[in-house]
Amino acid sequence: MNKENLKILKLNVSDKENSDKYVLRFNEKEIGYSYIFQEAKNNNIYIFINQENRSNGFGSFVFGEMLKIIKSSKLSHLFFDIEKPNYSANNIIAKFNGQILSEDDKKHWILKL
């Protein structure tokens, strides 16, 4: 993945309430999107990468960029409730030093900013 060919564009209007939407483009092709939910207690960040572009580091890249944006807010930490079979999401949060608070059918994470 050549980061020079990646662009994250904030859309003027989001299709989800209380959120900002961002589109990820690689070589001028849209390959995914992300939301930052403003007033969520859990899962402030949502990321989707097209199936054919997964496992190439795009999800981690977008997550890192979304964290940079959120760090400018007054939040000191984020909470995530991730289904256990969602290995990609769990791995990304672990990569960014998230800590597991508890587990049941989900992993409950805290990520300090």
PDB file of N, CA and C in Angstrom:
ATOM      1  N   MET A   1       0.850  -1.180   0.000  1.00  0.00           N
ATOM      2  CA  MET A   1       0.000   0.000   0.000  1.00  0.00           C
ATOM      3  C   MET A   1       0.894   1.241   0.000  1.00  0.00           C
ATOM      4  N   ASN A   2       0.701   2.084  -0.947  1.00  0.00           N
ATOM      5  CA  ASN A   2       1.419   3.344  -1.040  1.00  0.00           C
ATOM      6  C   ASN A   2       0.514   4.440  -0.485  1.00  0.00           C
ATOM      7  N   LYS A   3       0.875   4.969   0.695  1.00  0.00           N
ATOM      8  CA  LYS A   3       0.023   5.965   1.348  1.00  0.00           C
ATOM      9  C   LYS A   3      -0.136   7.233   0.519  1.00  0.00           C
ATOM     10  N   GLU A   4       0.779   7.486  -0.390  1.00  0.00           N
ATOM     11  CA  GLU A   4       0.663   8.666  -1.247  1.00  0.00           C
ATOM     12  C   GLU A   4      -0.566   8.585  -2.150  1.00  0.00           C
ATOM     13  N   ASN A   5      -1.028   7.379  -2.415  1.00  0.00           N
ATOM     14  CA  ASN A   5      -2.192   7.183  -3.280  1.00  0.00           C
ATOM     15  C   ASN A   5      -3.499   7.108  -2.496  1.00  0.00           C
ATOM     16  N   LEU A   6      -3.426   7.300  -1.178  1.00  0.00           N
ATOM     17  CA  LEU A   6      -4.612   7.263  -0.323  1.00  0.00           C
ATOM     18  C   LEU A   6      -5.105   8.669  -0.024  1.00  0.00           C
ATOM     19  N   LYS A   7      -6.412   8.836  -0.071  1.00  0.00           N
ATOM     20  CA  LYS A   7      -7.034  10.105   0.294  1.00  0.00           C
ATOM     21  C   LYS A   7      -8.250   9.817   1.156  1.00  0.00           C
ATOM     22  N   ILE A   8      -8.401  10.593   2.199  1.00  0.00           N
ATOM     23  CA  ILE A   8      -9.607  10.520   3.019  1.00  0.00           C
ATOM     24  C   ILE A   8     -10.312  11.854   2.868  1.00  0.00           C
ATOM     25  N   LEU A   9     -11.550  11.789   2.404  1.00  0.00           N
ATOM     26  CA  LEU A   9     -12.333  12.992   2.149  1.00  0.00           C
ATOM     27  C   LEU A   9     -13.543  13.037   3.070  1.00  0.00           C
ATOM     28  N   LYS A  10     -13.711  14.148   3.757  1.00  0.00           N
ATOM     29  CA  LYS A  10     -14.896  14.327   4.593  1.00  0.00           C
ATOM     30  C   LYS A  10     -16.042  14.801   3.707  1.00  0.00           C
ATOM     31  N   LEU A  11     -17.177  14.136   3.822  1.00  0.00           N
ATOM     32  CA  LEU A  11     -18.353  14.532   3.063  1.00  0.00           C
ATOM     33  C   LEU A  11     -19.078  15.675   3.780  1.00  0.00           C
ATOM     34  N   ASN A  12     -19.716  16.525   3.030  1.00  0.00           N
ATOM     35  CA  ASN A  12     -20.444  17.651   3.615  1.00  0.00           C
ATOM     36  C   ASN A  12     -21.646  17.200   4.435  1.00  0.00           C
ATOM     37  N   VAL A  13     -22.262  16.100   4.015  1.00  0.00           N
ATOM     38  CA  VAL A  13     -23.452  15.583   4.684  1.00  0.00           C
ATOM     39  C   VAL A  13     -23.278  14.084   4.904  1.00  0.00           C
ATOM     40  N   SER A  14     -23.625  13.637   6.098  1.00  0.00           N
ATOM     41  CA  SER A  14     -23.566  12.209   6.409  1.00  0.00           C
ATOM     42  C   SER A  14     -24.962  11.609   6.312  1.00  0.00           C
ATOM     43  N   ASP A  15     -25.029  10.343   5.933  1.00  0.00           N
ATOM     44  CA  ASP A  15     -26.315   9.645   5.856  1.00  0.00           C
ATOM     45  C   ASP A  15     -26.694   8.994   7.186  1.00  0.00           C
ATOM     46  N   LYS A  16     -25.856   9.154   8.209  1.00  0.00           N
ATOM     47  CA  LYS A  16     -26.150   8.632   9.553  1.00  0.00           C
ATOM     48  C   LYS A  16     -26.273   9.811  10.514  1.00  0.00           C
ATOM     49  N   GLU A  17     -27.278   9.753  11.372  1.00  0.00           N
ATOM     50  CA  GLU A  17     -27.539  10.836  12.317  1.00  0.00           C
ATOM     51  C   GLU A  17     -26.373  11.020  13.294  1.00  0.00           C
ATOM     52  N   ASN A  18     -26.087  12.266  13.646  1.00  0.00           N
ATOM     53  CA  ASN A  18     -25.029  12.623  14.610  1.00  0.00           C
ATOM     54  C   ASN A  18     -23.672  12.046  14.246  1.00  0.00           C
ATOM     55  N   SER A  19     -23.312  12.131  12.973  1.00  0.00           N
ATOM     56  CA  SER A  19     -22.028  11.582  12.546  1.00  0.00           C
ATOM     57  C   SER A  19     -21.400  12.434  11.451  1.00  0.00           C
ATOM     58  N   ASP A  20     -20.115  12.250  11.304  1.00  0.00           N
ATOM     59  CA  ASP A  20     -19.379  12.768  10.162  1.00  0.00           C
ATOM     60  C   ASP A  20     -18.967  11.556   9.333  1.00  0.00           C
ATOM     61  N   LYS A  21     -19.090  11.681   8.014  1.00  0.00           N
ATOM     62  CA  LYS A  21     -18.743  10.566   7.134  1.00  0.00           C
ATOM     63  C   LYS A  21     -17.513  10.932   6.309  1.00  0.00           C
ATOM     64  N   TYR A  22     -16.631   9.943   6.184  1.00  0.00           N
ATOM     65  CA  TYR A  22     -15.400  10.091   5.420  1.00  0.00           C
ATOM     66  C   TYR A  22     -15.324   8.975   4.388  1.00  0.00           C
ATOM     67  N   VAL A  23     -14.813   9.299   3.208  1.00  0.00           N
ATOM     68  CA  VAL A  23     -14.651   8.321   2.144  1.00  0.00           C
ATOM     69  C   VAL A  23     -13.157   8.086   1.952  1.00  0.00           C
ATOM     70  N   LEU A  24     -12.782   6.815   1.796  1.00  0.00           N
ATOM     71  CA  LEU A  24     -11.389   6.441   1.544  1.00  0.00           C
ATOM     72  C   LEU A  24     -11.229   6.149   0.062  1.00  0.00           C
ATOM     73  N   ARG A  25     -10.267   6.822  -0.558  1.00  0.00           N
ATOM     74  CA  ARG A  25      -9.962   6.588  -1.968  1.00  0.00           C
ATOM     75  C   ARG A  25      -8.522   6.137  -2.100  1.00  0.00           C
ATOM     76  N   PHE A  26      -8.332   5.138  -2.941  1.00  0.00           N
ATOM     77  CA  PHE A  26      -7.003   4.628  -3.265  1.00  0.00           C
ATOM     78  C   PHE A  26      -6.876   4.635  -4.781  1.00  0.00           C
ATOM     79  N   ASN A  27      -5.860   5.325  -5.274  1.00  0.00           N
ATOM     80  CA  ASN A  27      -5.695   5.496  -6.726  1.00  0.00           C
ATOM     81  C   ASN A  27      -6.979   6.028  -7.361  1.00  0.00           C
ATOM     82  N   GLU A  28      -7.608   6.995  -6.675  1.00  0.00           N
ATOM     83  CA  GLU A  28      -8.819   7.682  -7.140  1.00  0.00           C
ATOM     84  C   GLU A  28     -10.070   6.799  -7.169  1.00  0.00           C
ATOM     85  N   LYS A  29      -9.985   5.571  -6.647  1.00  0.00           N
ATOM     86  CA  LYS A  29     -11.144   4.682  -6.590  1.00  0.00           C
ATOM     87  C   LYS A  29     -11.622   4.602  -5.139  1.00  0.00           C
ATOM     88  N   GLU A  30     -12.925   4.734  -4.927  1.00  0.00           N
ATOM     89  CA  GLU A  30     -13.473   4.619  -3.581  1.00  0.00           C
ATOM     90  C   GLU A  30     -13.394   3.164  -3.137  1.00  0.00           C
ATOM     91  N   ILE A  31     -12.707   2.943  -2.010  1.00  0.00           N
ATOM     92  CA  ILE A  31     -12.546   1.565  -1.519  1.00  0.00           C
ATOM     93  C   ILE A  31     -13.148   1.350  -0.139  1.00  0.00           C
ATOM     94  N   GLY A  32     -13.686   2.406   0.456  1.00  0.00           N
ATOM     95  CA  GLY A  32     -14.291   2.251   1.769  1.00  0.00           C
ATOM     96  C   GLY A  32     -14.773   3.578   2.315  1.00  0.00           C
ATOM     97  N   TYR A  33     -15.272   3.523   3.542  1.00  0.00           N
ATOM     98  CA  TYR A  33     -15.746   4.732   4.200  1.00  0.00           C
ATOM     99  C   TYR A  33     -15.689   4.540   5.701  1.00  0.00           C
ATOM    100  N   SER A  34     -15.846   5.641   6.401  1.00  0.00           N
ATOM    101  CA  SER A  34     -15.815   5.611   7.855  1.00  0.00           C
ATOM    102  C   SER A  34     -16.763   6.668   8.399  1.00  0.00           C
ATOM    103  N   TYR A  35     -17.266   6.404   9.600  1.00  0.00           N
ATOM    104  CA  TYR A  35     -18.083   7.376  10.322  1.00  0.00           C
ATOM    105  C   TYR A  35     -17.423   7.654  11.666  1.00  0.00           C
ATOM    106  N   ILE A  36     -17.559   8.885  12.112  1.00  0.00           N
ATOM    107  CA  ILE A  36     -17.288   9.229  13.506  1.00  0.00           C
ATOM    108  C   ILE A  36     -18.620   9.669  14.088  1.00  0.00           C
ATOM    109  N   PHE A  37     -19.085   8.920  15.084  1.00  0.00           N
ATOM    110  CA  PHE A  37     -20.356   9.230  15.729  1.00  0.00           C
ATOM    111  C   PHE A  37     -20.087  10.160  16.906  1.00  0.00           C
ATOM    112  N   GLN A  38     -20.769  11.294  16.911  1.00  0.00           N
ATOM    113  CA  GLN A  38     -20.478  12.364  17.859  1.00  0.00           C
ATOM    114  C   GLN A  38     -20.889  12.065  19.294  1.00  0.00           C
ATOM    115  N   GLU A  39     -22.039  11.506  19.503  1.00  0.00           N
ATOM    116  CA  GLU A  39     -22.550  11.371  20.863  1.00  0.00           C
ATOM    117  C   GLU A  39     -22.722   9.915  21.280  1.00  0.00           C
ATOM    118  N   ALA A  40     -21.950   9.046  20.704  1.00  0.00           N
ATOM    119  CA  ALA A  40     -22.060   7.621  21.030  1.00  0.00           C
ATOM    120  C   ALA A  40     -21.301   7.312  22.319  1.00  0.00           C
ATOM    121  N   LYS A  41     -21.847   6.415  23.119  1.00  0.00           N
ATOM    122  CA  LYS A  41     -21.135   5.955  24.313  1.00  0.00           C
ATOM    123  C   LYS A  41     -20.121   4.879  23.946  1.00  0.00           C
ATOM    124  N   ASN A  42     -20.440   4.093  22.946  1.00  0.00           N
ATOM    125  CA  ASN A  42     -19.563   3.022  22.464  1.00  0.00           C
ATOM    126  C   ASN A  42     -19.459   3.114  20.947  1.00  0.00           C
ATOM    127  N   ASN A  43     -18.381   2.554  20.424  1.00  0.00           N
ATOM    128  CA  ASN A  43     -18.203   2.426  18.979  1.00  0.00           C
ATOM    129  C   ASN A  43     -18.345   3.766  18.251  1.00  0.00           C
ATOM    130  N   ASN A  44     -17.546   4.740  18.681  1.00  0.00           N
ATOM    131  CA  ASN A  44     -17.568   6.063  18.068  1.00  0.00           C
ATOM    132  C   ASN A  44     -17.103   6.033  16.616  1.00  0.00           C
ATOM    133  N   ILE A  45     -16.320   5.024  16.271  1.00  0.00           N
ATOM    134  CA  ILE A  45     -15.759   4.921  14.926  1.00  0.00           C
ATOM    135  C   ILE A  45     -16.319   3.673  14.255  1.00  0.00           C
ATOM    136  N   TYR A  46     -16.772   3.827  13.029  1.00  0.00           N
ATOM    137  CA  TYR A  46     -17.208   2.688  12.219  1.00  0.00           C
ATOM    138  C   TYR A  46     -16.426   2.752  10.912  1.00  0.00           C
ATOM    139  N   ILE A  47     -15.882   1.615  10.504  1.00  0.00           N
ATOM    140  CA  ILE A  47     -15.092   1.553   9.270  1.00  0.00           C
ATOM    141  C   ILE A  47     -15.615   0.428   8.397  1.00  0.00           C
ATOM    142  N   PHE A  48     -15.705   0.699   7.101  1.00  0.00           N
ATOM    143  CA  PHE A  48     -16.020  -0.338   6.123  1.00  0.00           C
ATOM    144  C   PHE A  48     -15.006  -0.236   4.995  1.00  0.00           C
ATOM    145  N   ILE A  49     -14.374  -1.375   4.668  1.00  0.00           N
ATOM    146  CA  ILE A  49     -13.459  -1.483   3.537  1.00  0.00           C
ATOM    147  C   ILE A  49     -14.041  -2.518   2.583  1.00  0.00           C
ATOM    148  N   ASN A  50     -14.087  -2.200   1.282  1.00  0.00           N
ATOM    149  CA  ASN A  50     -14.605  -3.140   0.291  1.00  0.00           C
ATOM    150  C   ASN A  50     -13.899  -4.490   0.411  1.00  0.00           C
ATOM    151  N   GLN A  51     -14.635  -5.545   0.195  1.00  0.00           N
ATOM    152  CA  GLN A  51     -14.131  -6.912   0.360  1.00  0.00           C
ATOM    153  C   GLN A  51     -12.800  -7.142  -0.359  1.00  0.00           C
ATOM    154  N   GLU A  52     -12.683  -6.703  -1.608  1.00  0.00           N
ATOM    155  CA  GLU A  52     -11.466  -6.961  -2.391  1.00  0.00           C
ATOM    156  C   GLU A  52     -10.260  -6.157  -1.917  1.00  0.00           C
ATOM    157  N   ASN A  53     -10.466  -5.184  -1.030  1.00  0.00           N
ATOM    158  CA  ASN A  53      -9.363  -4.362  -0.535  1.00  0.00           C
ATOM    159  C   ASN A  53      -8.999  -4.643   0.916  1.00  0.00           C
ATOM    160  N   ARG A  54      -9.615  -5.638   1.504  1.00  0.00           N
ATOM    161  CA  ARG A  54      -9.336  -5.962   2.908  1.00  0.00           C
ATOM    162  C   ARG A  54      -8.003  -6.693   3.036  1.00  0.00           C
ATOM    163  N   SER A  55      -7.490  -6.693   4.258  1.00  0.00           N
ATOM    164  CA  SER A  55      -6.217  -7.355   4.604  1.00  0.00           C
ATOM    165  C   SER A  55      -5.020  -6.712   3.916  1.00  0.00           C
ATOM    166  N   ASN A  56      -5.137  -5.423   3.624  1.00  0.00           N
ATOM    167  CA  ASN A  56      -4.027  -4.682   3.021  1.00  0.00           C
ATOM    168  C   ASN A  56      -3.604  -3.491   3.869  1.00  0.00           C
ATOM    169  N   GLY A  57      -4.122  -3.391   5.085  1.00  0.00           N
ATOM    170  CA  GLY A  57      -3.749  -2.304   5.975  1.00  0.00           C
ATOM    171  C   GLY A  57      -4.611  -1.056   5.860  1.00  0.00           C
ATOM    172  N   PHE A  58      -5.618  -1.084   4.991  1.00  0.00           N
ATOM    173  CA  PHE A  58      -6.460   0.092   4.816  1.00  0.00           C
ATOM    174  C   PHE A  58      -7.294   0.391   6.067  1.00  0.00           C
ATOM    175  N   GLY A  59      -7.824  -0.644   6.707  1.00  0.00           N
ATOM    176  CA  GLY A  59      -8.627  -0.449   7.918  1.00  0.00           C
ATOM    177  C   GLY A  59      -7.817   0.192   9.025  1.00  0.00           C
ATOM    178  N   SER A  60      -6.602  -0.287   9.233  1.00  0.00           N
ATOM    179  CA  SER A  60      -5.728   0.306  10.257  1.00  0.00           C
ATOM    180  C   SER A  60      -5.393   1.747   9.919  1.00  0.00           C
ATOM    181  N   PHE A  61      -5.127   2.014   8.654  1.00  0.00           N
ATOM    182  CA  PHE A  61      -4.818   3.373   8.224  1.00  0.00           C
ATOM    183  C   PHE A  61      -5.985   4.313   8.535  1.00  0.00           C
ATOM    184  N   VAL A  62      -7.188   3.921   8.138  1.00  0.00           N
ATOM    185  CA  VAL A  62      -8.361   4.771   8.354  1.00  0.00           C
ATOM    186  C   VAL A  62      -8.625   4.940   9.846  1.00  0.00           C
ATOM    187  N   PHE A  63      -8.504   3.860  10.612  1.00  0.00           N
ATOM    188  CA  PHE A  63      -8.731   3.945  12.056  1.00  0.00           C
ATOM    189  C   PHE A  63      -7.768   4.960  12.677  1.00  0.00           C
ATOM    190  N   GLY A  64      -6.508   4.890  12.294  1.00  0.00           N
ATOM    191  CA  GLY A  64      -5.517   5.832  12.801  1.00  0.00           C
ATOM    192  C   GLY A  64      -5.855   7.271  12.453  1.00  0.00           C
ATOM    193  N   GLU A  65      -6.327   7.485  11.234  1.00  0.00           N
ATOM    194  CA  GLU A  65      -6.707   8.837  10.813  1.00  0.00           C
ATOM    195  C   GLU A  65      -7.939   9.326  11.574  1.00  0.00           C
ATOM    196  N   MET A  66      -8.893   8.442  11.829  1.00  0.00           N
ATOM    197  CA  MET A  66     -10.080   8.821  12.583  1.00  0.00           C
ATOM    198  C   MET A  66      -9.703   9.152  14.032  1.00  0.00           C
ATOM    199  N   LEU A  67      -8.745   8.418  14.596  1.00  0.00           N
ATOM    200  CA  LEU A  67      -8.282   8.717  15.953  1.00  0.00           C
ATOM    201  C   LEU A  67      -7.656  10.108  16.016  1.00  0.00           C
ATOM    202  N   LYS A  68      -6.896  10.475  14.996  1.00  0.00           N
ATOM    203  CA  LYS A  68      -6.301  11.820  14.964  1.00  0.00           C
ATOM    204  C   LYS A  68      -7.389  12.885  15.009  1.00  0.00           C
ATOM    205  N   ILE A  69      -8.464  12.661  14.291  1.00  0.00           N
ATOM    206  CA  ILE A  69      -9.568  13.622  14.266  1.00  0.00           C
ATOM    207  C   ILE A  69     -10.249  13.674  15.634  1.00  0.00           C
ATOM    208  N   ILE A  70     -10.506  12.523  16.224  1.00  0.00           N
ATOM    209  CA  ILE A  70     -11.193  12.464  17.520  1.00  0.00           C
ATOM    210  C   ILE A  70     -10.332  13.061  18.628  1.00  0.00           C
ATOM    211  N   LYS A  71      -9.023  12.922  18.540  1.00  0.00           N
ATOM    212  CA  LYS A  71      -8.144  13.454  19.592  1.00  0.00           C
ATOM    213  C   LYS A  71      -8.288  14.957  19.749  1.00  0.00           C
ATOM    214  N   SER A  72      -8.756  15.642  18.728  1.00  0.00           N
ATOM    215  CA  SER A  72      -8.958  17.086  18.839  1.00  0.00           C
ATOM    216  C   SER A  72     -10.218  17.427  19.646  1.00  0.00           C
ATOM    217  N   SER A  73     -11.037  16.414  19.939  1.00  0.00           N
ATOM    218  CA  SER A  73     -12.229  16.633  20.770  1.00  0.00           C
ATOM    219  C   SER A  73     -11.811  16.546  22.242  1.00  0.00           C
ATOM    220  N   LYS A  74     -12.769  16.630  23.106  1.00  0.00           N
ATOM    221  CA  LYS A  74     -12.473  16.601  24.543  1.00  0.00           C
ATOM    222  C   LYS A  74     -12.497  15.192  25.134  1.00  0.00           C
ATOM    223  N   LEU A  75     -12.616  14.188  24.297  1.00  0.00           N
ATOM    224  CA  LEU A  75     -12.664  12.815  24.797  1.00  0.00           C
ATOM    225  C   LEU A  75     -11.280  12.360  25.260  1.00  0.00           C
ATOM    226  N   SER A  76     -11.242  11.611  26.353  1.00  0.00           N
ATOM    227  CA  SER A  76      -9.974  11.083  26.841  1.00  0.00           C
ATOM    228  C   SER A  76      -9.824   9.597  26.538  1.00  0.00           C
ATOM    229  N   HIS A  77     -10.940   8.947  26.219  1.00  0.00           N
ATOM    230  CA  HIS A  77     -10.912   7.530  25.884  1.00  0.00           C
ATOM    231  C   HIS A  77     -12.157   7.163  25.077  1.00  0.00           C
ATOM    232  N   LEU A  78     -12.055   6.045  24.380  1.00  0.00           N
ATOM    233  CA  LEU A  78     -13.168   5.510  23.600  1.00  0.00           C
ATOM    234  C   LEU A  78     -13.473   4.102  24.089  1.00  0.00           C
ATOM    235  N   PHE A  79     -14.731   3.704  23.975  1.00  0.00           N
ATOM    236  CA  PHE A  79     -15.151   2.347  24.301  1.00  0.00           C
ATOM    237  C   PHE A  79     -15.671   1.671  23.039  1.00  0.00           C
ATOM    238  N   PHE A  80     -15.361   0.385  22.910  1.00  0.00           N
ATOM    239  CA  PHE A  80     -15.819  -0.403  21.773  1.00  0.00           C
ATOM    240  C   PHE A  80     -16.376  -1.723  22.268  1.00  0.00           C
ATOM    241  N   ASP A  81     -17.501  -2.136  21.717  1.00  0.00           N
ATOM    242  CA  ASP A  81     -18.083  -3.465  21.937  1.00  0.00           C
ATOM    243  C   ASP A  81     -18.057  -4.160  20.589  1.00  0.00           C
ATOM    244  N   ILE A  82     -17.159  -5.137  20.441  1.00  0.00           N
ATOM    245  CA  ILE A  82     -16.932  -5.779  19.155  1.00  0.00           C
ATOM    246  C   ILE A  82     -17.253  -7.274  19.256  1.00  0.00           C
ATOM    247  N   GLU A  83     -18.055  -7.758  18.326  1.00  0.00           N
ATOM    248  CA  GLU A  83     -18.354  -9.189  18.275  1.00  0.00           C
ATOM    249  C   GLU A  83     -17.051  -9.975  18.182  1.00  0.00           C
ATOM    250  N   LYS A  84     -16.956 -11.068  18.907  1.00  0.00           N
ATOM    251  CA  LYS A  84     -15.719 -11.863  18.900  1.00  0.00           C
ATOM    252  C   LYS A  84     -15.301 -12.347  17.514  1.00  0.00           C
ATOM    253  N   PRO A  85     -16.242 -12.768  16.661  1.00  0.00           N
ATOM    254  CA  PRO A  85     -15.805 -13.222  15.327  1.00  0.00           C
ATOM    255  C   PRO A  85     -15.273 -12.112  14.416  1.00  0.00           C
ATOM    256  N   ASN A  86     -15.418 -10.850  14.814  1.00  0.00           N
ATOM    257  CA  ASN A  86     -14.921  -9.749  13.990  1.00  0.00           C
ATOM    258  C   ASN A  86     -13.428  -9.551  14.295  1.00  0.00           C
ATOM    259  N   TYR A  87     -12.621 -10.485  13.793  1.00  0.00           N
ATOM    260  CA  TYR A  87     -11.193 -10.501  14.093  1.00  0.00           C
ATOM    261  C   TYR A  87     -10.498  -9.234  13.609  1.00  0.00           C
ATOM    262  N   SER A  88     -10.883  -8.743  12.458  1.00  0.00           N
ATOM    263  CA  SER A  88     -10.237  -7.548  11.915  1.00  0.00           C
ATOM    264  C   SER A  88     -10.400  -6.355  12.846  1.00  0.00           C
ATOM    265  N   ALA A  89     -11.626  -6.096  13.284  1.00  0.00           N
ATOM    266  CA  ALA A  89     -11.874  -4.955  14.174  1.00  0.00           C
ATOM    267  C   ALA A  89     -11.152  -5.132  15.500  1.00  0.00           C
ATOM    268  N   ASN A  90     -11.210  -6.343  16.060  1.00  0.00           N
ATOM    269  CA  ASN A  90     -10.522  -6.595  17.329  1.00  0.00           C
ATOM    270  C   ASN A  90      -9.009  -6.422  17.182  1.00  0.00           C
ATOM    271  N   ASN A  91      -8.455  -6.876  16.071  1.00  0.00           N
ATOM    272  CA  ASN A  91      -7.014  -6.733  15.846  1.00  0.00           C
ATOM    273  C   ASN A  91      -6.610  -5.271  15.678  1.00  0.00           C
ATOM    274  N   ILE A  92      -7.431  -4.495  15.003  1.00  0.00           N
ATOM    275  CA  ILE A  92      -7.114  -3.073  14.815  1.00  0.00           C
ATOM    276  C   ILE A  92      -7.096  -2.350  16.163  1.00  0.00           C
ATOM    277  N   ILE A  93      -8.094  -2.600  16.998  1.00  0.00           N
ATOM    278  CA  ILE A  93      -8.133  -1.928  18.297  1.00  0.00           C
ATOM    279  C   ILE A  93      -6.951  -2.362  19.152  1.00  0.00           C
ATOM    280  N   ALA A  94      -6.594  -3.638  19.113  1.00  0.00           N
ATOM    281  CA  ALA A  94      -5.417  -4.113  19.849  1.00  0.00           C
ATOM    282  C   ALA A  94      -4.146  -3.443  19.331  1.00  0.00           C
ATOM    283  N   LYS A  95      -4.046  -3.278  18.030  1.00  0.00           N
ATOM    284  CA  LYS A  95      -2.877  -2.640  17.410  1.00  0.00           C
ATOM    285  C   LYS A  95      -2.678  -1.211  17.918  1.00  0.00           C
ATOM    286  N   PHE A  96      -3.766  -0.533  18.234  1.00  0.00           N
ATOM    287  CA  PHE A  96      -3.698   0.837  18.726  1.00  0.00           C
ATOM    288  C   PHE A  96      -3.722   0.890  20.260  1.00  0.00           C
ATOM    289  N   ASN A  97      -3.293  -0.195  20.885  1.00  0.00           N
ATOM    290  CA  ASN A  97      -3.120  -0.294  22.346  1.00  0.00           C
ATOM    291  C   ASN A  97      -4.427  -0.257  23.131  1.00  0.00           C
ATOM    292  N   GLY A  98      -5.500  -0.752  22.524  1.00  0.00           N
ATOM    293  CA  GLY A  98      -6.736  -0.904  23.274  1.00  0.00           C
ATOM    294  C   GLY A  98      -6.572  -1.985  24.320  1.00  0.00           C
ATOM    295  N   GLN A  99      -7.314  -1.862  25.399  1.00  0.00           N
ATOM    296  CA  GLN A  99      -7.282  -2.862  26.474  1.00  0.00           C
ATOM    297  C   GLN A  99      -8.666  -3.462  26.637  1.00  0.00           C
ATOM    298  N   ILE A 100      -8.704  -4.769  26.793  1.00  0.00           N
ATOM    299  CA  ILE A 100      -9.981  -5.459  26.988  1.00  0.00           C
ATOM    300  C   ILE A 100     -10.430  -5.260  28.428  1.00  0.00           C
ATOM    301  N   LEU A 101     -11.646  -4.749  28.579  1.00  0.00           N
ATOM    302  CA  LEU A 101     -12.232  -4.572  29.906  1.00  0.00           C
ATOM    303  C   LEU A 101     -12.929  -5.834  30.379  1.00  0.00           C
ATOM    304  N   SER A 102     -13.659  -6.491  29.447  1.00  0.00           N
ATOM    305  CA  SER A 102     -14.375  -7.727  29.767  1.00  0.00           C
ATOM    306  C   SER A 102     -14.749  -8.414  28.467  1.00  0.00           C
ATOM    307  N   GLU A 103     -15.179  -9.669  28.602  1.00  0.00           N
ATOM    308  CA  GLU A 103     -15.608 -10.446  27.439  1.00  0.00           C
ATOM    309  C   GLU A 103     -16.848 -11.247  27.786  1.00  0.00           C
ATOM    310  N   ASP A 104     -17.748 -11.326  26.838  1.00  0.00           N
ATOM    311  CA  ASP A 104     -18.874 -12.254  26.860  1.00  0.00           C
ATOM    312  C   ASP A 104     -19.024 -12.693  25.409  1.00  0.00           C
ATOM    313  N   ASP A 105     -20.145 -12.438  24.765  1.00  0.00           N
ATOM    314  CA  ASP A 105     -20.228 -12.728  23.331  1.00  0.00           C
ATOM    315  C   ASP A 105     -19.511 -11.656  22.521  1.00  0.00           C
ATOM    316  N   LYS A 106     -19.090 -10.583  23.210  1.00  0.00           N
ATOM    317  CA  LYS A 106     -18.331  -9.493  22.613  1.00  0.00           C
ATOM    318  C   LYS A 106     -17.076  -9.237  23.422  1.00  0.00           C
ATOM    319  N   LYS A 107     -16.129  -8.551  22.807  1.00  0.00           N
ATOM    320  CA  LYS A 107     -14.986  -8.037  23.544  1.00  0.00           C
ATOM    321  C   LYS A 107     -15.282  -6.572  23.813  1.00  0.00           C
ATOM    322  N   HIS A 108     -15.158  -6.182  25.066  1.00  0.00           N
ATOM    323  CA  HIS A 108     -15.439  -4.809  25.490  1.00  0.00           C
ATOM    324  C   HIS A 108     -14.092  -4.131  25.725  1.00  0.00           C
ATOM    325  N   TRP A 109     -13.797  -3.147  24.881  1.00  0.00           N
ATOM    326  CA  TRP A 109     -12.494  -2.497  24.856  1.00  0.00           C
ATOM    327  C   TRP A 109     -12.561  -1.066  25.387  1.00  0.00           C
ATOM    328  N   ILE A 110     -11.416  -0.600  25.894  1.00  0.00           N
ATOM    329  CA  ILE A 110     -11.205   0.814  26.159  1.00  0.00           C
ATOM    330  C   ILE A 110      -9.928   1.211  25.413  1.00  0.00           C
ATOM    331  N   LEU A 111      -9.966   2.362  24.799  1.00  0.00           N
ATOM    332  CA  LEU A 111      -8.813   2.882  24.076  1.00  0.00           C
ATOM    333  C   LEU A 111      -8.569   4.304  24.586  1.00  0.00           C
ATOM    334  N   LYS A 112      -7.440   4.484  25.268  1.00  0.00           N
ATOM    335  CA  LYS A 112      -7.101   5.806  25.806  1.00  0.00           C
ATOM    336  C   LYS A 112      -6.504   6.650  24.683  1.00  0.00           C
ATOM    337  N   LEU A 113      -6.924   7.906  24.666  1.00  0.00           N
ATOM    338  CA  LEU A 113      -6.453   8.832  23.628  1.00  0.00           C
ATOM    339  C   LEU A 113      -5.282   9.669  24.134  1.00  0.00           C
TER     340      LEU A 113
END
